[in-house]
Protein backbone atom coordinates (compact mmCIF):
# COMPACT_ATOMS: atom_id res chain seq x y z
CA VAL A 1 62.17 48.65 -128.69
CA LYS A 2 59.15 47.10 -130.34
CA LEU A 3 55.79 47.01 -128.57
CA CYS A 4 53.16 44.68 -129.96
CA ALA A 5 49.42 44.63 -129.40
CA SER A 6 46.47 43.08 -131.18
CA PRO A 7 44.03 45.51 -132.86
CA ARG A 8 41.35 43.98 -130.62
CA GLY A 9 43.57 44.07 -127.59
CA GLY A 10 44.56 46.07 -124.57
CA ALA A 11 46.21 49.46 -124.46
CA VAL A 12 49.97 49.50 -124.17
CA ALA A 13 50.42 53.19 -123.46
CA VAL A 14 51.54 52.69 -119.88
CA ARG A 15 54.08 50.08 -120.85
CA ALA A 16 55.35 52.25 -123.69
CA ALA A 17 55.80 55.19 -121.36
CA ARG A 18 57.68 53.03 -118.87
CA VAL A 19 60.11 51.88 -121.54
CA VAL A 20 60.71 55.42 -122.76
CA ARG A 21 61.28 56.69 -119.21
CA ALA A 22 63.62 53.80 -118.47
CA GLY A 23 65.65 54.56 -121.57
CA ALA A 24 65.75 58.22 -120.67
CA ARG A 25 66.94 57.53 -117.13
CA LYS A 26 69.73 55.30 -118.36
CA GLY A 27 70.72 57.87 -120.94
CA GLY A 28 71.81 55.11 -123.25
CA GLU A 29 71.18 54.51 -126.91
CA ALA A 30 69.13 51.72 -128.44
CA SER A 31 69.46 50.90 -132.11
CA VAL A 32 66.32 50.78 -134.23
CA ASP A 33 67.39 47.28 -135.19
CA THR A 34 67.36 46.16 -131.58
CA VAL A 35 64.12 44.48 -130.59
CA ALA A 36 63.40 44.12 -126.90
CA THR A 37 60.67 41.75 -125.79
CA LEU A 38 58.76 43.21 -122.86
CA ASP A 39 57.57 40.52 -120.47
CA VAL A 40 54.45 41.27 -118.46
CA THR A 41 53.61 40.22 -114.96
CA ASP A 42 50.75 37.85 -114.20
CA ALA A 43 48.68 40.80 -113.04
CA GLU A 44 49.30 42.68 -116.26
CA ALA A 45 48.62 39.57 -118.30
CA SER A 46 45.26 39.10 -116.63
CA LYS A 47 44.31 42.60 -117.69
CA MET A 48 45.90 42.81 -121.09
CA THR A 49 46.66 39.51 -122.74
CA THR A 50 45.67 35.99 -123.36
CA LYS A 51 48.28 33.26 -123.13
CA GLY A 52 50.49 33.30 -126.18
CA GLY A 53 50.34 37.07 -126.64
CA ALA A 54 46.90 37.52 -128.20
CA PHE A 55 45.62 40.68 -126.56
CA ALA A 56 42.17 40.34 -125.07
CA ARG A 57 40.23 43.45 -124.13
CA VAL A 58 40.09 43.18 -120.61
CA ALA A 59 41.44 46.43 -119.18
CA LYS A 60 41.77 49.04 -121.87
CA PRO A 61 41.05 48.07 -125.48
CA LEU A 62 43.35 49.56 -128.06
CA ALA A 63 42.19 52.90 -129.40
CA LEU A 64 42.06 52.62 -133.17
CA GLY A 65 45.40 53.42 -134.71
CA ALA A 66 46.71 55.05 -131.54
CA LEU A 67 49.24 52.44 -130.55
CA GLY A 68 50.31 48.97 -131.52
CA VAL A 69 53.76 48.47 -132.86
CA ALA A 70 55.99 51.31 -131.73
CA SER A 71 59.63 51.33 -132.79
CA MET A 72 61.54 53.82 -130.67
CA THR A 73 65.12 55.01 -130.95
CA LEU A 74 66.23 55.93 -127.44
CA ALA A 75 68.91 58.53 -128.04
CA GLY A 76 69.05 60.04 -124.57
CA PRO A 77 66.95 61.78 -121.95
CA ALA A 78 65.91 64.71 -124.11
CA SER A 79 64.79 62.90 -127.23
CA ALA A 80 63.54 59.58 -125.92
CA ALA A 81 59.89 60.54 -125.62
CA ALA A 82 59.77 62.23 -129.02
CA ALA A 83 60.80 59.33 -131.26
CA VAL A 84 57.72 57.12 -131.45
CA ILE A 85 57.13 55.75 -134.94
CA PRO A 86 54.33 53.23 -135.56
CA VAL A 87 55.35 50.51 -137.98
CA ALA A 88 53.78 47.32 -139.31
CA VAL A 89 55.30 43.90 -138.77
CA PRO A 90 55.68 42.00 -142.06
CA ALA A 91 54.81 38.59 -140.62
CA ASP A 92 51.64 39.89 -138.99
CA THR A 93 50.70 41.77 -142.13
CA ALA A 94 51.09 38.61 -144.22
CA TRP A 95 48.96 36.57 -141.82
CA ILE A 96 46.10 39.07 -141.74
CA LEU A 97 46.24 39.38 -145.55
CA ILE A 98 45.79 35.61 -145.77
CA SER A 99 43.07 35.70 -143.11
CA SER A 100 41.19 38.39 -145.01
CA ALA A 101 41.15 36.22 -148.11
CA LEU A 102 40.03 33.21 -146.05
CA VAL A 103 37.09 35.07 -144.49
CA LEU A 104 36.01 36.47 -147.85
CA PHE A 105 36.23 32.92 -149.22
CA MET A 106 33.78 31.89 -146.49
CA THR A 107 31.05 34.01 -148.08
CA ILE A 108 31.86 33.54 -151.74
CA PRO A 109 31.79 30.74 -152.54
CA GLY A 110 31.57 28.95 -149.16
CA LEU A 111 28.36 30.21 -147.58
CA ALA A 112 26.73 30.72 -150.98
CA ALA A 113 27.37 27.09 -151.94
CA PHE A 114 26.29 25.81 -148.51
CA TYR A 115 22.93 27.55 -148.79
CA ALA A 116 22.45 26.91 -152.51
CA GLY A 117 22.65 23.17 -151.99
CA LEU A 118 19.89 23.22 -149.39
CA VAL A 119 17.16 25.00 -151.36
CA ARG A 120 14.94 23.55 -154.07
CA ARG A 121 16.66 23.52 -157.44
CA PRO A 122 14.50 26.33 -158.96
CA ASN A 123 15.90 28.67 -156.25
CA THR A 124 19.60 27.86 -156.48
CA LEU A 125 20.70 30.94 -158.41
CA SER A 126 18.68 33.29 -156.23
CA VAL A 127 20.70 32.25 -153.17
CA LEU A 128 24.01 32.49 -154.99
CA ILE A 129 23.33 35.98 -156.33
CA GLN A 130 22.05 37.25 -152.97
CA CYS A 131 25.32 36.27 -151.28
CA PHE A 132 27.35 37.65 -154.18
CA ALA A 133 25.43 40.93 -154.32
CA LEU A 134 25.73 41.41 -150.57
CA THR A 135 29.48 40.92 -150.85
CA ALA A 136 29.78 43.80 -153.31
CA HIS A 137 27.22 46.00 -151.60
CA MET A 138 28.60 45.65 -148.08
CA SER A 139 32.15 46.26 -149.28
CA VAL A 140 31.21 49.70 -150.57
CA LEU A 141 29.00 50.45 -147.56
CA TRP A 142 31.86 49.56 -145.22
CA MET A 143 34.22 51.88 -147.06
CA LEU A 144 31.78 54.77 -147.15
CA CYS A 145 30.66 54.80 -143.53
CA GLY A 146 30.69 51.37 -141.88
CA TYR A 147 34.30 51.46 -140.78
CA SER A 148 33.90 54.90 -139.25
CA LEU A 149 30.67 54.06 -137.45
CA SER A 150 32.24 50.88 -136.07
CA PHE A 151 35.78 51.92 -135.17
CA SER A 152 35.92 55.70 -134.81
CA THR A 153 36.90 56.63 -131.26
CA VAL A 154 35.84 60.27 -131.35
CA GLY A 155 34.09 61.20 -128.10
CA MET A 156 34.79 57.88 -126.40
CA LYS A 157 35.93 57.91 -122.81
CA GLU A 158 36.41 54.87 -120.66
CA GLY A 159 33.78 54.54 -117.96
CA VAL A 160 31.60 57.30 -119.40
CA VAL A 161 28.37 56.25 -121.13
CA GLY A 162 27.27 58.47 -124.00
CA LEU A 163 26.34 58.27 -127.66
CA ALA A 164 29.96 57.43 -128.51
CA SER A 165 29.64 54.32 -126.34
CA PHE A 166 27.15 52.85 -128.81
CA ILE A 167 28.14 54.13 -132.25
CA GLY A 168 31.29 55.55 -133.81
CA GLY A 169 31.81 59.02 -135.18
CA LEU A 170 32.08 60.28 -138.74
CA ASP A 171 35.76 61.26 -138.81
CA LYS A 172 36.69 58.24 -140.92
CA ILE A 173 33.94 58.58 -143.52
CA ALA A 174 35.17 57.25 -146.88
CA LEU A 175 38.27 56.04 -145.01
CA ALA A 176 39.49 59.54 -144.28
CA GLY A 177 42.83 59.38 -142.53
CA VAL A 178 43.63 55.84 -143.65
CA SER A 179 47.02 56.18 -145.31
CA MET A 180 50.07 54.21 -146.37
CA THR A 181 51.64 54.90 -142.98
CA SER A 182 48.68 54.57 -140.59
CA VAL A 183 48.90 51.47 -138.43
CA VAL A 184 46.52 49.53 -136.19
CA GLY A 185 48.24 47.13 -133.86
CA THR A 186 51.00 45.53 -135.88
CA ILE A 187 49.37 45.82 -139.31
CA PRO A 188 48.60 48.64 -141.76
CA GLU A 189 45.27 50.31 -141.07
CA ALA A 190 44.20 49.65 -144.66
CA LEU A 191 44.55 45.93 -143.95
CA TRP A 192 42.55 46.27 -140.74
CA VAL A 193 39.82 47.95 -142.81
CA LEU A 194 39.90 45.07 -145.29
CA TYR A 195 39.86 42.36 -142.63
CA GLN A 196 36.93 43.90 -140.79
CA MET A 197 35.17 44.41 -144.12
CA THR A 198 35.02 40.64 -144.60
CA PHE A 199 33.17 40.33 -141.29
CA ALA A 200 30.71 43.01 -142.36
CA ILE A 201 30.13 41.01 -145.54
CA ILE A 202 29.47 37.60 -144.05
CA THR A 203 27.20 38.74 -141.20
CA PRO A 204 24.21 39.87 -143.33
CA ALA A 205 24.92 37.04 -145.78
CA LEU A 206 24.29 34.58 -142.94
CA MET A 207 20.71 35.85 -142.69
CA VAL A 208 20.03 34.87 -146.31
CA GLY A 209 19.44 31.32 -145.10
CA SER A 210 16.22 32.34 -143.38
CA LEU A 211 14.94 34.41 -146.32
CA VAL A 212 15.29 31.86 -149.12
CA GLU A 213 12.58 30.95 -151.63
CA ARG A 214 10.15 33.73 -150.68
CA MET A 215 11.74 37.18 -150.28
CA LYS A 216 12.18 39.67 -153.11
CA PHE A 217 15.74 40.35 -154.17
CA ASN A 218 15.45 44.12 -153.63
CA ALA A 219 13.88 43.49 -150.24
CA VAL A 220 16.83 41.34 -149.21
CA MET A 221 19.21 44.14 -150.13
CA TRP A 222 17.17 46.82 -148.37
CA TYR A 223 16.70 44.78 -145.21
CA CYS A 224 20.38 43.93 -144.93
CA THR A 225 21.42 47.53 -145.55
CA LEU A 226 19.10 49.00 -142.93
CA TRP A 227 20.04 46.18 -140.55
CA MET A 228 23.73 47.01 -140.80
CA PHE A 229 23.07 50.55 -139.59
CA ALA A 230 20.62 49.50 -136.89
CA VAL A 231 22.40 46.41 -135.58
CA TYR A 232 25.83 45.50 -136.91
CA PHE A 233 27.68 48.82 -136.74
CA PRO A 234 26.53 49.55 -133.16
CA ALA A 235 27.30 46.00 -132.00
CA CYS A 236 30.75 46.11 -133.56
CA HIS A 237 31.48 49.45 -131.96
CA MET A 238 30.23 48.47 -128.50
CA VAL A 239 32.37 45.33 -128.41
CA TRP A 240 35.44 46.09 -130.52
CA GLY A 241 35.47 49.88 -130.72
CA GLY A 242 37.89 50.33 -127.83
CA ALA A 243 37.89 51.81 -124.34
CA GLY A 244 34.60 53.61 -123.83
CA GLY A 245 32.60 51.10 -125.84
CA PHE A 246 29.53 49.98 -123.90
CA PHE A 247 30.31 46.26 -123.80
CA ALA A 248 34.08 46.78 -123.74
CA ASP A 249 33.75 48.75 -120.51
CA MET A 250 31.63 45.95 -119.05
CA GLY A 251 34.55 43.59 -119.51
CA VAL A 252 32.80 41.54 -122.20
CA LEU A 253 34.99 39.21 -124.28
CA ASP A 254 34.23 38.40 -127.90
CA PHE A 255 37.31 37.11 -129.65
CA ALA A 256 35.99 36.82 -133.21
CA GLY A 257 32.28 37.60 -133.31
CA GLY A 258 30.00 35.45 -131.16
CA ILE A 259 28.09 38.59 -130.24
CA VAL A 260 28.95 40.86 -133.16
CA VAL A 261 28.35 38.28 -135.90
CA HIS A 262 26.49 35.17 -134.77
CA ILE A 263 24.00 36.40 -132.17
CA THR A 264 23.04 39.41 -134.28
CA ALA A 265 22.70 37.42 -137.53
CA GLY A 266 20.86 34.57 -135.82
CA ILE A 267 18.29 36.81 -134.16
CA GLY A 268 17.92 38.93 -137.31
CA ALA A 269 17.29 35.75 -139.27
CA LEU A 270 14.72 34.43 -136.79
CA VAL A 271 12.75 37.69 -136.74
CA ALA A 272 12.79 37.82 -140.54
CA ALA A 273 11.62 34.23 -140.83
CA MET A 274 8.70 34.88 -138.49
CA TYR A 275 7.84 38.14 -140.26
CA LEU A 276 7.85 36.49 -143.69
CA GLY A 277 5.91 33.43 -142.60
CA GLU A 278 6.27 29.91 -143.89
CA ARG A 279 7.12 29.00 -147.46
CA LYS A 280 4.33 27.42 -149.48
CA GLU A 281 6.40 24.25 -149.52
CA ASN A 282 8.44 24.43 -146.36
CA LYS A 283 9.63 20.85 -146.24
CA MET A 284 13.33 20.40 -146.80
CA HIS A 285 14.04 19.45 -150.42
CA GLN A 286 17.78 19.74 -150.78
CA GLY A 287 18.67 20.54 -154.36
CA ASN A 288 22.26 19.38 -154.23
CA LEU A 289 23.92 18.19 -151.04
CA VAL A 290 27.25 18.00 -152.85
CA LEU A 291 27.19 21.81 -153.01
CA THR A 292 26.37 21.93 -149.31
CA PHE A 293 29.22 19.55 -148.50
CA LEU A 294 31.71 21.59 -150.51
CA GLY A 295 30.41 24.80 -148.94
CA THR A 296 30.87 23.31 -145.49
CA ALA A 297 34.46 22.40 -146.27
CA MET A 298 35.14 25.94 -147.49
CA LEU A 299 33.57 27.42 -144.38
CA TRP A 300 35.57 25.16 -142.08
CA VAL A 301 38.89 26.05 -143.70
CA GLY A 302 37.95 29.73 -143.93
CA TRP A 303 37.17 29.81 -140.22
CA PHE A 304 40.90 29.63 -139.50
CA GLY A 305 41.10 33.13 -140.93
CA PHE A 306 37.95 34.14 -139.07
CA ASN A 307 39.22 33.07 -135.65
CA GLY A 308 42.98 32.85 -136.13
CA GLY A 309 43.13 36.23 -137.82
CA SER A 310 41.28 37.81 -134.91
CA ALA A 311 44.44 37.43 -132.84
CA GLY A 312 45.68 40.37 -134.91
CA ALA A 313 49.13 38.88 -135.38
CA ALA A 314 51.03 35.78 -136.45
CA SER A 315 51.45 34.61 -132.88
CA ALA A 316 50.92 31.80 -130.42
CA GLY A 317 47.53 33.37 -129.77
CA ALA A 318 46.57 32.82 -133.40
CA ALA A 319 47.81 29.23 -133.21
CA PHE A 320 45.74 28.49 -130.12
CA ALA A 321 42.68 30.08 -131.73
CA CYS A 322 43.08 27.87 -134.80
CA LEU A 323 43.59 24.79 -132.64
CA ALA A 324 40.45 25.55 -130.64
CA THR A 325 38.54 26.09 -133.86
CA GLN A 326 39.53 22.70 -135.25
CA LEU A 327 38.75 20.84 -132.02
CA SER A 328 35.35 22.41 -131.45
CA ALA A 329 34.17 21.72 -135.00
CA SER A 330 35.45 18.14 -134.85
CA VAL A 331 33.85 17.27 -131.53
CA ALA A 332 30.55 18.85 -132.61
CA ALA A 333 30.52 16.79 -135.81
CA ILE A 334 31.22 13.56 -133.92
CA VAL A 335 28.60 14.15 -131.23
CA TRP A 336 25.85 15.33 -133.61
CA THR A 337 26.50 12.38 -135.92
CA ALA A 338 26.33 9.97 -132.99
CA LEU A 339 22.98 11.44 -131.95
CA ASP A 340 21.71 11.04 -135.53
CA VAL A 341 22.73 7.39 -135.52
CA ILE A 342 21.05 6.80 -132.17
CA GLU A 343 17.84 8.46 -133.32
CA ASN A 344 17.65 7.42 -136.98
CA GLY A 345 20.14 4.61 -137.38
CA LYS A 346 21.98 6.45 -140.17
CA VAL A 347 24.79 8.93 -140.62
CA SER A 348 23.36 12.09 -142.16
CA VAL A 349 25.59 14.11 -144.48
CA LEU A 350 23.51 17.22 -143.82
CA GLY A 351 23.56 16.58 -140.08
CA THR A 352 27.33 16.23 -140.01
CA CYS A 353 27.82 19.38 -142.09
CA THR A 354 25.43 21.36 -139.90
CA ALA A 355 27.14 20.04 -136.77
CA SER A 356 30.55 21.28 -137.79
CA ILE A 357 29.15 24.76 -138.48
CA ALA A 358 27.50 24.77 -135.04
CA GLY A 359 30.82 23.93 -133.41
CA LEU A 360 32.54 26.66 -135.38
CA ALA A 361 29.91 29.25 -134.46
CA ALA A 362 30.08 28.38 -130.78
CA ILE A 363 33.86 28.56 -130.52
CA THR A 364 34.04 31.93 -132.33
CA PRO A 365 33.70 34.20 -129.28
CA ALA A 366 36.02 32.04 -127.20
CA ALA A 367 38.68 30.82 -129.64
CA GLY A 368 41.51 32.92 -128.23
CA PHE A 369 40.56 32.42 -124.60
CA VAL A 370 40.00 28.67 -124.17
CA GLY A 371 42.46 25.81 -124.18
CA PRO A 372 42.08 22.46 -125.98
CA VAL A 373 39.87 20.97 -123.25
CA GLY A 374 37.59 23.99 -123.24
CA ALA A 375 37.32 23.86 -127.03
CA CYS A 376 36.27 20.21 -126.93
CA LEU A 377 33.65 20.95 -124.27
CA MET A 378 32.39 23.84 -126.38
CA GLY A 379 31.97 21.51 -129.37
CA LEU A 380 30.15 18.97 -127.24
CA ALA A 381 27.71 21.54 -125.86
CA SER A 382 27.07 23.14 -129.24
CA ALA A 383 26.19 19.81 -130.87
CA ILE A 384 23.62 18.95 -128.22
CA VAL A 385 22.04 22.39 -127.83
CA CYS A 386 22.08 23.50 -131.49
CA ARG A 387 20.67 20.17 -132.65
CA PHE A 388 17.86 20.50 -130.12
CA PHE A 389 16.98 24.01 -131.34
CA SER A 390 17.28 23.10 -135.02
CA THR A 391 14.91 20.16 -134.69
CA THR A 392 12.73 19.98 -131.59
CA VAL A 393 12.33 23.69 -130.83
CA LYS A 394 11.78 24.68 -134.47
CA GLU A 395 9.16 21.98 -134.98
CA HIS A 396 7.39 22.86 -131.74
CA PHE A 397 7.05 26.58 -132.48
CA GLY A 398 6.60 26.18 -136.23
CA TYR A 399 8.77 29.06 -137.47
CA ASP A 400 10.27 28.55 -140.91
CA ASP A 401 13.94 29.26 -140.28
CA SER A 402 14.60 27.66 -143.63
CA LEU A 403 18.27 26.77 -143.28
CA ASP A 404 18.59 26.90 -139.48
CA VAL A 405 20.42 30.20 -139.24
CA PHE A 406 19.00 30.83 -135.78
CA GLY A 407 19.40 27.27 -134.55
CA VAL A 408 23.04 27.06 -135.62
CA HIS A 409 24.47 30.58 -135.63
CA GLY A 410 22.19 32.39 -133.19
CA VAL A 411 22.09 29.62 -130.60
CA GLY A 412 25.71 28.65 -131.21
CA GLY A 413 26.94 32.22 -130.81
CA PHE A 414 24.81 32.75 -127.70
CA LEU A 415 25.98 29.49 -126.15
CA GLY A 416 29.64 30.18 -126.90
CA THR A 417 29.43 33.70 -125.53
CA CYS A 418 27.95 32.51 -122.24
CA LEU A 419 30.13 29.42 -121.80
CA LEU A 420 33.25 31.52 -122.43
CA GLY A 421 33.02 32.82 -118.87
CA VAL A 422 33.44 29.28 -117.57
CA LEU A 423 35.60 27.54 -120.16
CA ALA A 424 38.10 30.40 -120.47
CA SER A 425 38.99 29.94 -116.81
CA PRO A 426 42.39 28.38 -116.00
CA VAL A 427 40.39 25.62 -114.30
CA PHE A 428 39.60 24.32 -117.79
CA GLY A 429 42.96 25.28 -119.27
CA GLY A 430 41.80 28.70 -120.43
CA PHE A 431 43.74 31.95 -120.52
CA ASN A 432 41.40 34.41 -118.80
CA ASP A 433 42.21 35.27 -115.19
CA VAL A 434 39.04 37.26 -114.51
CA PRO A 435 36.96 35.39 -111.88
CA MET A 436 34.67 32.86 -113.52
CA LEU A 437 31.42 34.19 -112.03
CA LYS A 438 32.22 37.81 -112.84
CA GLN A 439 33.10 37.00 -116.44
CA THR A 440 30.07 34.75 -116.91
CA ILE A 441 27.71 37.45 -115.65
CA ALA A 442 29.23 39.97 -118.07
CA GLN A 443 28.99 37.51 -120.97
CA CYS A 444 25.39 36.48 -120.30
CA THR A 445 24.29 40.07 -119.80
CA ALA A 446 25.80 41.13 -123.10
CA ALA A 447 24.31 38.14 -124.93
CA VAL A 448 20.81 38.80 -123.62
CA MET A 449 20.99 42.54 -124.25
CA THR A 450 22.27 42.02 -127.79
CA ALA A 451 19.59 39.46 -128.60
CA ALA A 452 16.80 41.65 -127.24
CA TYR A 453 17.97 44.79 -129.03
CA THR A 454 18.58 42.93 -132.29
CA ALA A 455 15.07 41.49 -132.24
CA VAL A 456 13.46 44.92 -131.89
CA ALA A 457 15.78 46.62 -134.39
CA SER A 458 15.38 43.81 -136.94
CA TYR A 459 11.60 44.06 -136.77
CA ALA A 460 11.81 47.81 -137.36
CA CYS A 461 14.08 47.23 -140.37
CA LEU A 462 11.62 44.69 -141.79
CA LYS A 463 8.70 47.08 -141.42
CA ALA A 464 10.69 49.82 -143.16
CA THR A 465 11.71 47.41 -145.92
CA ASP A 466 8.13 46.27 -146.36
CA PHE A 467 7.09 49.88 -146.89
CA ILE A 468 9.97 50.76 -149.23
CA THR A 469 9.56 47.70 -151.48
CA ASN A 470 5.75 47.62 -151.40
CA GLY A 471 5.78 44.16 -149.88
CA ILE A 472 8.82 42.02 -149.15
CA ARG A 473 7.43 38.66 -150.22
CA VAL A 474 7.22 37.37 -153.78
CA PRO A 475 3.79 36.37 -155.20
CA ALA A 476 2.54 32.84 -154.63
CA GLU A 477 3.07 31.90 -158.27
CA ALA A 478 6.71 32.97 -158.00
CA GLU A 479 7.24 30.52 -155.16
CA GLU A 480 5.84 27.74 -157.31
CA VAL A 481 8.00 28.43 -160.36
CA GLY A 482 11.06 29.35 -158.29
CA LEU A 483 12.94 32.60 -157.81
CA ASP A 484 15.61 31.76 -160.39
CA VAL A 485 13.17 32.25 -163.25
CA TYR A 486 10.91 34.78 -161.55
CA SER A 487 13.61 37.16 -160.29
CA HIS A 488 16.55 36.49 -162.60
CA GLY A 489 15.23 34.84 -165.75
CA GLU A 490 17.80 32.06 -165.53
CA THR A 491 18.06 28.48 -164.31
CA ALA A 492 20.88 26.66 -162.56
CA TYR A 493 20.10 23.23 -163.95
CA THR A 494 19.38 22.31 -167.56
CA PRO A 495 16.07 20.40 -167.81
CA MET A 496 16.43 16.74 -168.66
CA PRO A 497 15.64 16.02 -172.35
CA ARG A 498 12.39 14.19 -172.94
């Protein structure tokens, strides 16, 4: 008998026990090669799964590595309960391997190229190397302690609020216990580590867009490192850490990172932009929109791994998540472009690229829970709201969120998290049976709490970074000459011959 659950899904212990007991009562034998599909009732589905088999959170999130795929040989009453062997499913393993590569591809070169094309040419290399350096740095940090602080379940108990509800333990430091045979859900635990590592890479890299052209390289690295400990690891643990996690116990849904990735990065970017102040020349002077266009395309394609991979298996749930991803991005691009034409009379390449990213950010928390109609409505809402924040609101308040990290990712993630409660309802073709009002209250509460905490923690990290680096901002003359030459002694573009 094979039991399947997503790594971000519900516990299957009760169902496993029922199967074992049933086999024991019958006293029969079941071959290891025999695979029995266990159907769940509507009530169980509302607690444990989304339509198509992608496990949600709702009742009891999967304790890391505890269950997942269990292949049991039922040899009779005496031995039935003893033979429980976790194994990985090859198809699921292959899909998450591909998804890991896709999400890594989103950061390098996708996000790096997207940002590099939007800054002035003398700052192109500085953006590229910041994204590249963060990729390497966060990979090692995740291995050393990030995985443990995010996914360790030591001390966690469902319904009991304690330190373990907010941050993981240290039992998996340096990936202790991760072996060739350890399994999470239906995939090897080592692959789960790798997949989650790519999320830990792209989240701080998103904030680079608000720091461009004026923040020291070492300050960027220090800020992002401190921020991971103060913000990302706790957020990841509270949402995805399993039963006993603060937000998990509240019934909060976050399929692929609306809270964990986009709200945190967006707020962290906004606070950093306000702390740094405006650039000397804060008008948009795109250095190379071709780079931005190519980066957008890479991000869009990579997002299938971001959202589809979060189903934890090669399943109908992954297919629906990918479908929702495509529809939301497409509708957002169409609506934003239409608004640009109405306002300016022209189709903006930058506007269309930004629009698609807004649609992708907004659908991230809801991708596995909404149907096609809900995904289209999510794209529509994200285009209108994110465009308003990236233009009108930013101009009104005067903060220099250089590349609209807050307006696109922060607002998009917040919007998607809150709208999930409505659009995931069966009324809109969604797959979540929790009452709409109850789910919406949980979603909005988590979004507001995350935003507020992230703002305070980000400010504290900036103050600490300012002290450590003896000032986080480059000198005025460095802004004039550009960070490529000032910080790296190199240039991206060869000067035109005279």
